Amino acid sequence: MVSGKERLFDIDNPKLPDWVKDEAMESGGYPYDDKLDRKEYEETLERLQIELVKVQSWLGETGKRVIAVFEGRDAAGKGGSIHATREYMNPRSARVVALPKPTEKERGQWYYQRYVDHFPTSGEIVLFDRSWYNRAGVEPVMGFCTPEEHEHFLEETPNFERMPVNAGIHFFKFWLNIGREMQLKRFHDRRHDPLKIWKLSPMDIASLNKWDDYTAKRDQMLQATHTPQAPWTVVRANDKRRARINIIRRMLMELPYDGKDEKAIGEIDGNILGEGYSAILNWGVD
């Protein structure tokens, strides 16, 4: 069932169904009919990336630290948003953390421990491509943790996140939200593009019939872990270009770096970014 209709979708069929193609952009109540114009996107992104270079200089001079967590459904565009953010920053002090499944030793540790090992030192920005929030979505949906472990995670995570914030780390959490038809389109693109097929995992295939389960866990997560110290920024990400630009804008607006050019940063698009579970309710997305 997709958007209340019974649909047939064969990911191995090289022809993308018309109903996916026609409804992908507007799926999930997306407010725009088309992608942001490429020229406008590239010019805007360049201005924002110049500001990010200033941020990195400021971090190096002051020793400040930044964590940005990128979460969302499979194929929501987390990796591309991270790449756009980090593209012109020095990789020595702008690190991406994308951890594989835990080892036997890590499974015996305090749950958050392997993530804490990757937290930034003085002058660093660390971008998490998925994070400890695996326990809020993938793990309970796919049966990799117990209901008790999931409940404990939702209770303890606000306390856990309060510690790095109180230590002076600038902390961002982004949830990238896409419509179901858009997710199917992106999965299909990966399946039939030899340069992208490595992105399509068995876990992605297994998630195809678990949309509602992931939605329920997303809503639980946003309600339990959206706090004044560590709020969730919800991003409508059917158009990757608008998503990337507004994610970077949010970070730049909140960081007190030297030489900030407010005009270059521009304004947040309120149709694309929202705060916590209230954004889901206001937009009526699934």
C-alpha atoms as a PDB file:
ATOM      1  CA  MET A   1       0.000   0.000   0.000  1.00  0.00           C
ATOM      2  CA  VAL A   2       1.447   3.373  -1.090  1.00  0.00           C
ATOM      3  CA  SER A   3      -0.430   6.593  -0.345  1.00  0.00           C
ATOM      4  CA  GLY A   4      -3.563   4.551   0.292  1.00  0.00           C
ATOM      5  CA  LYS A   5      -3.351   2.649  -2.984  1.00  0.00           C
ATOM      6  CA  GLU A   6      -2.277  -0.903  -3.695  1.00  0.00           C
ATOM      7  CA  ARG A   7       0.755  -0.712  -5.994  1.00  0.00           C
ATOM      8  CA  LEU A   8       3.087  -3.151  -7.731  1.00  0.00           C
ATOM      9  CA  PHE A   9       6.766  -2.234  -7.556  1.00  0.00           C
ATOM     10  CA  ASP A  10       9.527  -4.525  -8.844  1.00  0.00           C
ATOM     11  CA  ILE A  11      12.896  -3.017  -8.075  1.00  0.00           C
ATOM     12  CA  ASP A  12      14.595  -5.412 -10.512  1.00  0.00           C
ATOM     13  CA  ASN A  13      12.519  -4.162 -13.448  1.00  0.00           C
ATOM     14  CA  PRO A  14      14.663  -1.547 -15.235  1.00  0.00           C
ATOM     15  CA  LYS A  15      11.560   0.478 -16.156  1.00  0.00           C
ATOM     16  CA  LEU A  16      10.493   2.819 -13.369  1.00  0.00           C
ATOM     17  CA  PRO A  17       6.680   2.703 -12.994  1.00  0.00           C
ATOM     18  CA  ASP A  18       4.909   5.849 -14.162  1.00  0.00           C
ATOM     19  CA  TRP A  19       3.145   6.255 -10.822  1.00  0.00           C
ATOM     20  CA  VAL A  20       6.507   6.508  -9.051  1.00  0.00           C
ATOM     21  CA  LYS A  21       7.979   8.877 -11.645  1.00  0.00           C
ATOM     22  CA  ASP A  22       4.908  11.147 -11.685  1.00  0.00           C
ATOM     23  CA  GLU A  23       4.380  11.334  -7.923  1.00  0.00           C
ATOM     24  CA  ALA A  24       7.931  11.265  -6.533  1.00  0.00           C
ATOM     25  CA  MET A  25       8.555  15.010  -6.176  1.00  0.00           C
ATOM     26  CA  GLU A  26       5.197  15.810  -4.592  1.00  0.00           C
ATOM     27  CA  SER A  27       5.190  12.726  -2.348  1.00  0.00           C
ATOM     28  CA  GLY A  28       4.912  13.256   1.383  1.00  0.00           C
ATOM     29  CA  GLY A  29       3.226  16.601   0.782  1.00  0.00           C
ATOM     30  CA  TYR A  30       6.351  18.236  -0.652  1.00  0.00           C
ATOM     31  CA  PRO A  31       5.618  21.943  -1.290  1.00  0.00           C
ATOM     32  CA  TYR A  32       7.510  22.413  -4.583  1.00  0.00           C
ATOM     33  CA  ASP A  33       6.784  20.916  -8.002  1.00  0.00           C
ATOM     34  CA  ASP A  34      10.347  21.079  -9.339  1.00  0.00           C
ATOM     35  CA  LYS A  35      13.935  21.023  -8.151  1.00  0.00           C
ATOM     36  CA  LEU A  36      15.685  24.279  -7.388  1.00  0.00           C
ATOM     37  CA  ASP A  37      17.249  25.658 -10.568  1.00  0.00           C
ATOM     38  CA  ARG A  38      20.751  24.194 -10.967  1.00  0.00           C
ATOM     39  CA  LYS A  39      22.475  27.537 -11.600  1.00  0.00           C
ATOM     40  CA  GLU A  40      20.827  29.130  -8.575  1.00  0.00           C
ATOM     41  CA  TYR A  41      21.736  26.092  -6.495  1.00  0.00           C
ATOM     42  CA  GLU A  42      25.393  26.094  -7.508  1.00  0.00           C
ATOM     43  CA  GLU A  43      25.811  29.835  -6.992  1.00  0.00           C
ATOM     44  CA  THR A  44      24.105  29.717  -3.589  1.00  0.00           C
ATOM     45  CA  LEU A  45      26.037  26.656  -2.486  1.00  0.00           C
ATOM     46  CA  GLU A  46      29.356  28.285  -3.394  1.00  0.00           C
ATOM     47  CA  ARG A  47      28.563  31.316  -1.224  1.00  0.00           C
ATOM     48  CA  LEU A  48      27.637  29.038   1.677  1.00  0.00           C
ATOM     49  CA  GLN A  49      30.744  26.898   1.280  1.00  0.00           C
ATOM     50  CA  ILE A  50      32.899  30.036   1.472  1.00  0.00           C
ATOM     51  CA  GLU A  51      31.246  30.693   4.838  1.00  0.00           C
ATOM     52  CA  LEU A  52      32.001  27.109   5.920  1.00  0.00           C
ATOM     53  CA  VAL A  53      35.687  27.691   5.187  1.00  0.00           C
ATOM     54  CA  LYS A  54      35.474  30.678   7.543  1.00  0.00           C
ATOM     55  CA  VAL A  55      33.892  28.397  10.137  1.00  0.00           C
ATOM     56  CA  GLN A  56      36.802  25.999   9.923  1.00  0.00           C
ATOM     57  CA  SER A  57      39.313  28.822  10.391  1.00  0.00           C
ATOM     58  CA  TRP A  58      37.346  30.020  13.412  1.00  0.00           C
ATOM     59  CA  LEU A  59      37.334  26.514  14.885  1.00  0.00           C
ATOM     60  CA  GLY A  60      41.093  26.261  14.480  1.00  0.00           C
ATOM     61  CA  GLU A  61      41.707  29.650  16.067  1.00  0.00           C
ATOM     62  CA  THR A  62      39.330  29.237  19.002  1.00  0.00           C
ATOM     63  CA  GLY A  63      39.422  25.496  19.641  1.00  0.00           C
ATOM     64  CA  LYS A  64      35.631  25.297  19.441  1.00  0.00           C
ATOM     65  CA  ARG A  65      34.014  21.992  18.476  1.00  0.00           C
ATOM     66  CA  VAL A  66      30.992  21.042  16.361  1.00  0.00           C
ATOM     67  CA  ILE A  67      28.947  17.852  16.034  1.00  0.00           C
ATOM     68  CA  ALA A  68      26.302  17.450  13.317  1.00  0.00           C
ATOM     69  CA  VAL A  69      24.157  14.305  13.253  1.00  0.00           C
ATOM     70  CA  PHE A  70      22.459  13.379   9.966  1.00  0.00           C
ATOM     71  CA  GLU A  71      19.584  10.930  10.240  1.00  0.00           C
ATOM     72  CA  GLY A  72      16.670   9.965   8.017  1.00  0.00           C
ATOM     73  CA  ARG A  73      15.089   7.186   6.033  1.00  0.00           C
ATOM     74  CA  ASP A  74      17.213   5.171   3.635  1.00  0.00           C
ATOM     75  CA  ALA A  75      17.997   7.229   0.497  1.00  0.00           C
ATOM     76  CA  ALA A  76      16.983  10.500   2.185  1.00  0.00           C
ATOM     77  CA  GLY A  77      20.186  12.212   1.044  1.00  0.00           C
ATOM     78  CA  LYS A  78      22.299  12.185   4.193  1.00  0.00           C
ATOM     79  CA  GLY A  79      25.574  11.418   2.428  1.00  0.00           C
ATOM     80  CA  GLY A  80      25.102  14.094  -0.214  1.00  0.00           C
ATOM     81  CA  SER A  81      24.274  16.713   2.409  1.00  0.00           C
ATOM     82  CA  ILE A  82      27.397  15.803   4.352  1.00  0.00           C
ATOM     83  CA  HIS A  83      29.502  15.978   1.179  1.00  0.00           C
ATOM     84  CA  ALA A  84      28.141  19.434   0.295  1.00  0.00           C
ATOM     85  CA  THR A  85      28.933  20.641   3.813  1.00  0.00           C
ATOM     86  CA  ARG A  86      32.469  19.261   3.933  1.00  0.00           C
ATOM     87  CA  GLU A  87      33.539  19.562   0.291  1.00  0.00           C
ATOM     88  CA  TYR A  88      35.954  22.495   0.696  1.00  0.00           C
ATOM     89  CA  MET A  89      36.884  22.016   4.335  1.00  0.00           C
ATOM     90  CA  ASN A  90      40.209  20.528   5.406  1.00  0.00           C
ATOM     91  CA  PRO A  91      39.487  16.804   5.999  1.00  0.00           C
ATOM     92  CA  ARG A  92      42.061  16.706   8.786  1.00  0.00           C
ATOM     93  CA  SER A  93      39.744  18.655  11.052  1.00  0.00           C
ATOM     94  CA  ALA A  94      36.389  18.068   9.335  1.00  0.00           C
ATOM     95  CA  ARG A  95      35.700  14.370   9.793  1.00  0.00           C
ATOM     96  CA  VAL A  96      32.870  12.151   8.592  1.00  0.00           C
ATOM     97  CA  VAL A  97      31.904   9.250  10.846  1.00  0.00           C
ATOM     98  CA  ALA A  98      29.895   6.406   9.272  1.00  0.00           C
ATOM     99  CA  LEU A  99      30.309   3.389  11.497  1.00  0.00           C
ATOM    100  CA  PRO A 100      29.704  -0.213  10.366  1.00  0.00           C
ATOM    101  CA  LYS A 101      27.697  -2.638  12.458  1.00  0.00           C
ATOM    102  CA  PRO A 102      29.214  -3.099  15.924  1.00  0.00           C
ATOM    103  CA  THR A 103      31.849  -5.731  16.580  1.00  0.00           C
ATOM    104  CA  GLU A 104      31.430  -8.384  19.253  1.00  0.00           C
ATOM    105  CA  LYS A 105      33.492  -6.253  21.628  1.00  0.00           C
ATOM    106  CA  GLU A 106      31.433  -3.128  20.882  1.00  0.00           C
ATOM    107  CA  ARG A 107      28.174  -5.008  21.490  1.00  0.00           C
ATOM    108  CA  GLY A 108      29.378  -5.594  25.042  1.00  0.00           C
ATOM    109  CA  GLN A 109      30.151  -1.920  25.683  1.00  0.00           C
ATOM    110  CA  TRP A 110      27.970   0.899  26.970  1.00  0.00           C
ATOM    111  CA  TYR A 111      25.771   1.624  23.960  1.00  0.00           C
ATOM    112  CA  TYR A 112      27.014   5.176  23.309  1.00  0.00           C
ATOM    113  CA  GLN A 113      30.683   4.343  23.832  1.00  0.00           C
ATOM    114  CA  ARG A 114      31.763   3.684  20.264  1.00  0.00           C
ATOM    115  CA  TYR A 115      30.210   6.957  19.134  1.00  0.00           C
ATOM    116  CA  VAL A 116      31.818   8.993  21.914  1.00  0.00           C
ATOM    117  CA  ASP A 117      35.208   7.719  20.730  1.00  0.00           C
ATOM    118  CA  HIS A 118      34.665   9.786  17.558  1.00  0.00           C
ATOM    119  CA  PHE A 119      33.592  13.048  19.194  1.00  0.00           C
ATOM    120  CA  PRO A 120      35.598  16.116  18.118  1.00  0.00           C
ATOM    121  CA  THR A 121      38.718  17.345  19.770  1.00  0.00           C
ATOM    122  CA  SER A 122      39.714  21.020  19.878  1.00  0.00           C
ATOM    123  CA  GLY A 123      39.122  22.767  16.532  1.00  0.00           C
ATOM    124  CA  GLU A 124      37.229  19.908  14.870  1.00  0.00           C
ATOM    125  CA  ILE A 125      33.846  19.446  13.229  1.00  0.00           C
ATOM    126  CA  VAL A 126      32.497  15.889  13.096  1.00  0.00           C
ATOM    127  CA  LEU A 127      29.618  14.908  10.802  1.00  0.00           C
ATOM    128  CA  PHE A 128      27.830  11.681  11.721  1.00  0.00           C
ATOM    129  CA  ASP A 129      26.312   9.779   8.789  1.00  0.00           C
ATOM    130  CA  ARG A 130      23.895   7.914  11.045  1.00  0.00           C
ATOM    131  CA  SER A 131      24.679   7.771  14.722  1.00  0.00           C
ATOM    132  CA  TRP A 132      23.515   6.433  18.068  1.00  0.00           C
ATOM    133  CA  TYR A 133      20.021   7.038  16.678  1.00  0.00           C
ATOM    134  CA  ASN A 134      20.245   3.646  14.975  1.00  0.00           C
ATOM    135  CA  ARG A 135      18.640   2.465  18.205  1.00  0.00           C
ATOM    136  CA  ALA A 136      15.675   4.745  17.584  1.00  0.00           C
ATOM    137  CA  GLY A 137      14.877   3.441  14.088  1.00  0.00           C
ATOM    138  CA  VAL A 138      16.744   0.666  12.304  1.00  0.00           C
ATOM    139  CA  GLU A 139      17.388  -1.500  15.357  1.00  0.00           C
ATOM    140  CA  PRO A 140      13.839  -1.703  16.758  1.00  0.00           C
ATOM    141  CA  VAL A 141      12.210  -1.964  13.312  1.00  0.00           C
ATOM    142  CA  MET A 142      14.526  -4.756  12.155  1.00  0.00           C
ATOM    143  CA  GLY A 143      14.605  -6.558  15.499  1.00  0.00           C
ATOM    144  CA  PHE A 144      18.252  -5.781  16.347  1.00  0.00           C
ATOM    145  CA  CYS A 145      17.406  -4.573  19.855  1.00  0.00           C
ATOM    146  CA  THR A 146      14.757  -5.420  22.426  1.00  0.00           C
ATOM    147  CA  PRO A 147      11.742  -3.204  23.165  1.00  0.00           C
ATOM    148  CA  GLU A 148      13.287  -2.546  26.577  1.00  0.00           C
ATOM    149  CA  GLU A 149      16.577  -1.390  25.012  1.00  0.00           C
ATOM    150  CA  HIS A 150      14.666   0.911  22.666  1.00  0.00           C
ATOM    151  CA  GLU A 151      12.641   2.398  25.524  1.00  0.00           C
ATOM    152  CA  HIS A 152      15.778   2.879  27.629  1.00  0.00           C
ATOM    153  CA  PHE A 153      17.466   4.656  24.714  1.00  0.00           C
ATOM    154  CA  LEU A 154      14.627   7.157  24.351  1.00  0.00           C
ATOM    155  CA  GLU A 155      14.728   7.876  28.083  1.00  0.00           C
ATOM    156  CA  GLU A 156      18.496   8.269  28.399  1.00  0.00           C
ATOM    157  CA  THR A 157      19.481  10.022  25.164  1.00  0.00           C
ATOM    158  CA  PRO A 158      18.431  13.535  26.276  1.00  0.00           C
ATOM    159  CA  ASN A 159      20.668  13.095  29.339  1.00  0.00           C
ATOM    160  CA  PHE A 160      23.507  11.791  27.171  1.00  0.00           C
ATOM    161  CA  GLU A 161      23.273  14.706  24.718  1.00  0.00           C
ATOM    162  CA  ARG A 162      23.162  17.275  27.498  1.00  0.00           C
ATOM    163  CA  MET A 163      26.769  16.399  28.403  1.00  0.00           C
ATOM    164  CA  PRO A 164      28.552  17.462  25.171  1.00  0.00           C
ATOM    165  CA  VAL A 165      26.349  20.552  24.919  1.00  0.00           C
ATOM    166  CA  ASN A 166      27.198  21.561  28.500  1.00  0.00           C
ATOM    167  CA  ALA A 167      30.870  20.992  27.622  1.00  0.00           C
ATOM    168  CA  GLY A 168      30.582  23.728  24.986  1.00  0.00           C
ATOM    169  CA  ILE A 169      30.224  21.604  21.845  1.00  0.00           C
ATOM    170  CA  HIS A 170      27.958  23.104  19.188  1.00  0.00           C
ATOM    171  CA  PHE A 171      25.469  20.330  18.461  1.00  0.00           C
ATOM    172  CA  PHE A 172      23.129  19.926  15.447  1.00  0.00           C
ATOM    173  CA  LYS A 173      20.659  17.129  14.693  1.00  0.00           C
ATOM    174  CA  PHE A 174      19.083  16.877  11.231  1.00  0.00           C
ATOM    175  CA  TRP A 175      16.284  14.479  10.279  1.00  0.00           C
ATOM    176  CA  LEU A 176      15.945  14.272   6.474  1.00  0.00           C
ATOM    177  CA  ASN A 177      12.396  13.369   5.514  1.00  0.00           C
ATOM    178  CA  ILE A 178      11.315  12.117   2.074  1.00  0.00           C
ATOM    179  CA  GLY A 179       8.074  10.849   0.600  1.00  0.00           C
ATOM    180  CA  ARG A 180       7.549   7.187  -0.107  1.00  0.00           C
ATOM    181  CA  GLU A 181       7.448   7.489  -3.890  1.00  0.00           C
ATOM    182  CA  MET A 182      10.674   9.494  -3.783  1.00  0.00           C
ATOM    183  CA  GLN A 183      12.337   6.776  -1.726  1.00  0.00           C
ATOM    184  CA  LEU A 184      11.222   4.139  -4.243  1.00  0.00           C
ATOM    185  CA  LYS A 185      12.557   6.248  -7.106  1.00  0.00           C
ATOM    186  CA  ARG A 186      15.958   6.624  -5.430  1.00  0.00           C
ATOM    187  CA  PHE A 187      16.141   2.919  -4.611  1.00  0.00           C
ATOM    188  CA  HIS A 188      15.339   2.132  -8.247  1.00  0.00           C
ATOM    189  CA  ASP A 189      18.018   4.572  -9.447  1.00  0.00           C
ATOM    190  CA  ARG A 190      20.587   2.832  -7.256  1.00  0.00           C
ATOM    191  CA  ARG A 191      19.556  -0.623  -8.408  1.00  0.00           C
ATOM    192  CA  HIS A 192      20.062   0.229 -12.099  1.00  0.00           C
ATOM    193  CA  ASP A 193      23.034   2.600 -11.988  1.00  0.00           C
ATOM    194  CA  PRO A 194      26.352   0.685 -11.908  1.00  0.00           C
ATOM    195  CA  LEU A 195      27.996   3.654 -10.162  1.00  0.00           C
ATOM    196  CA  LYS A 196      25.386   3.720  -7.379  1.00  0.00           C
ATOM    197  CA  ILE A 197      24.454   0.071  -6.920  1.00  0.00           C
ATOM    198  CA  TRP A 198      26.832  -0.271  -3.963  1.00  0.00           C
ATOM    199  CA  LYS A 199      24.532   2.117  -2.081  1.00  0.00           C
ATOM    200  CA  LEU A 200      21.631  -0.350  -2.231  1.00  0.00           C
ATOM    201  CA  SER A 201      21.954  -2.760   0.678  1.00  0.00           C
ATOM    202  CA  PRO A 202      19.932  -5.824   1.668  1.00  0.00           C
ATOM    203  CA  MET A 203      18.695  -3.685   4.574  1.00  0.00           C
ATOM    204  CA  ASP A 204      17.269  -1.193   2.078  1.00  0.00           C
ATOM    205  CA  ILE A 205      15.360  -3.944   0.300  1.00  0.00           C
ATOM    206  CA  ALA A 206      14.077  -5.308   3.609  1.00  0.00           C
ATOM    207  CA  SER A 207      12.811  -1.839   4.550  1.00  0.00           C
ATOM    208  CA  LEU A 208      10.537  -1.546   1.493  1.00  0.00           C
ATOM    209  CA  ASN A 209       7.544  -3.016   3.329  1.00  0.00           C
ATOM    210  CA  LYS A 210       8.288  -1.379   6.689  1.00  0.00           C
ATOM    211  CA  TRP A 211       7.454   2.233   5.861  1.00  0.00           C
ATOM    212  CA  ASP A 212       4.769   2.551   8.550  1.00  0.00           C
ATOM    213  CA  ASP A 213       7.011   0.935  11.174  1.00  0.00           C
ATOM    214  CA  TYR A 214       9.770   3.452  10.451  1.00  0.00           C
ATOM    215  CA  THR A 215       7.245   6.294  10.560  1.00  0.00           C
ATOM    216  CA  ALA A 216       6.059   5.259  14.012  1.00  0.00           C
ATOM    217  CA  LYS A 217       9.611   4.993  15.346  1.00  0.00           C
ATOM    218  CA  ARG A 218      10.536   8.374  13.814  1.00  0.00           C
ATOM    219  CA  ASP A 219       7.630  10.016  15.587  1.00  0.00           C
ATOM    220  CA  GLN A 220       8.554   8.409  18.913  1.00  0.00           C
ATOM    221  CA  MET A 221      12.145   9.537  18.502  1.00  0.00           C
ATOM    222  CA  LEU A 222      11.291  13.146  17.663  1.00  0.00           C
ATOM    223  CA  GLN A 223       8.904  13.442  20.585  1.00  0.00           C
ATOM    224  CA  ALA A 224      11.279  11.878  23.126  1.00  0.00           C
ATOM    225  CA  THR A 225      14.609  13.425  22.092  1.00  0.00           C
ATOM    226  CA  HIS A 226      13.766  16.927  20.848  1.00  0.00           C
ATOM    227  CA  THR A 227      15.060  19.092  23.691  1.00  0.00           C
ATOM    228  CA  PRO A 228      16.042  22.763  24.148  1.00  0.00           C
ATOM    229  CA  GLN A 229      19.685  21.678  24.467  1.00  0.00           C
ATOM    230  CA  ALA A 230      19.671  19.360  21.439  1.00  0.00           C
ATOM    231  CA  PRO A 231      16.710  20.115  19.163  1.00  0.00           C
ATOM    232  CA  TRP A 232      15.844  18.247  15.979  1.00  0.00           C
ATOM    233  CA  THR A 233      15.782  20.142  12.694  1.00  0.00           C
ATOM    234  CA  VAL A 234      13.416  18.331  10.311  1.00  0.00           C
ATOM    235  CA  VAL A 235      14.328  18.725   6.636  1.00  0.00           C
ATOM    236  CA  ARG A 236      11.991  18.092   3.731  1.00  0.00           C
ATOM    237  CA  ALA A 237      14.451  16.430   1.369  1.00  0.00           C
ATOM    238  CA  ASN A 238      12.616  15.387  -1.805  1.00  0.00           C
ATOM    239  CA  ASP A 239      14.715  18.061  -3.524  1.00  0.00           C
ATOM    240  CA  LYS A 240      18.298  17.442  -2.447  1.00  0.00           C
ATOM    241  CA  ARG A 241      19.383  20.907  -3.568  1.00  0.00           C
ATOM    242  CA  ARG A 242      16.999  22.788  -1.309  1.00  0.00           C
ATOM    243  CA  ALA A 243      17.740  20.405   1.543  1.00  0.00           C
ATOM    244  CA  ARG A 244      21.513  20.905   1.370  1.00  0.00           C
ATOM    245  CA  ILE A 245      21.319  24.670   1.145  1.00  0.00           C
ATOM    246  CA  ASN A 246      18.974  25.005   4.103  1.00  0.00           C
ATOM    247  CA  ILE A 247      20.933  22.560   6.264  1.00  0.00           C
ATOM    248  CA  ILE A 248      24.108  24.583   5.742  1.00  0.00           C
ATOM    249  CA  ARG A 249      22.242  27.821   6.380  1.00  0.00           C
ATOM    250  CA  ARG A 250      20.981  26.518   9.703  1.00  0.00           C
ATOM    251  CA  MET A 251      24.476  25.657  10.850  1.00  0.00           C
ATOM    252  CA  LEU A 252      25.958  28.951   9.682  1.00  0.00           C
ATOM    253  CA  MET A 253      23.241  31.001  11.348  1.00  0.00           C
ATOM    254  CA  GLU A 254      23.820  29.385  14.730  1.00  0.00           C
ATOM    255  CA  LEU A 255      27.627  29.334  14.777  1.00  0.00           C
ATOM    256  CA  PRO A 256      29.221  32.566  16.122  1.00  0.00           C
ATOM    257  CA  TYR A 257      32.212  32.561  13.767  1.00  0.00           C
ATOM    258  CA  ASP A 258      34.283  35.560  12.753  1.00  0.00           C
ATOM    259  CA  GLY A 259      33.594  37.375   9.478  1.00  0.00           C
ATOM    260  CA  LYS A 260      30.046  36.069   9.087  1.00  0.00           C
ATOM    261  CA  ASP A 261      28.367  37.401   5.936  1.00  0.00           C
ATOM    262  CA  GLU A 262      24.644  37.425   6.706  1.00  0.00           C
ATOM    263  CA  LYS A 263      23.751  38.428   3.150  1.00  0.00           C
ATOM    264  CA  ALA A 264      25.672  35.497   1.688  1.00  0.00           C
ATOM    265  CA  ILE A 265      23.940  33.078   4.064  1.00  0.00           C
ATOM    266  CA  GLY A 266      20.445  34.246   3.161  1.00  0.00           C
ATOM    267  CA  GLU A 267      17.212  33.142   4.821  1.00  0.00           C
ATOM    268  CA  ILE A 268      15.964  29.734   5.900  1.00  0.00           C
ATOM    269  CA  ASP A 269      13.101  28.376   3.767  1.00  0.00           C
ATOM    270  CA  GLY A 270      10.382  27.599   6.302  1.00  0.00           C
ATOM    271  CA  ASN A 271       8.756  25.217   3.809  1.00  0.00           C
ATOM    272  CA  ILE A 272      11.901  23.060   3.957  1.00  0.00           C
ATOM    273  CA  LEU A 273      13.117  23.274   7.578  1.00  0.00           C
ATOM    274  CA  GLY A 274      11.040  22.794  10.704  1.00  0.00           C
ATOM    275  CA  GLU A 275      11.537  22.042  14.382  1.00  0.00           C
ATOM    276  CA  GLY A 276      10.929  18.639  15.948  1.00  0.00           C
ATOM    277  CA  TYR A 277       7.714  16.648  15.837  1.00  0.00           C
ATOM    278  CA  SER A 278       5.659  19.827  15.463  1.00  0.00           C
ATOM    279  CA  ALA A 279       7.041  20.136  11.917  1.00  0.00           C
ATOM    280  CA  ILE A 280       5.690  16.678  11.064  1.00  0.00           C
ATOM    281  CA  LEU A 281       2.267  17.643  12.420  1.00  0.00           C
ATOM    282  CA  ASN A 282       2.205  21.056  10.742  1.00  0.00           C
ATOM    283  CA  TRP A 283       3.249  19.697   7.373  1.00  0.00           C
ATOM    284  CA  GLY A 284       1.124  16.568   7.576  1.00  0.00           C
ATOM    285  CA  VAL A 285       3.930  14.385   6.207  1.00  0.00           C
ATOM    286  CA  ASP A 286       4.099  10.605   6.625  1.00  0.00           C
END
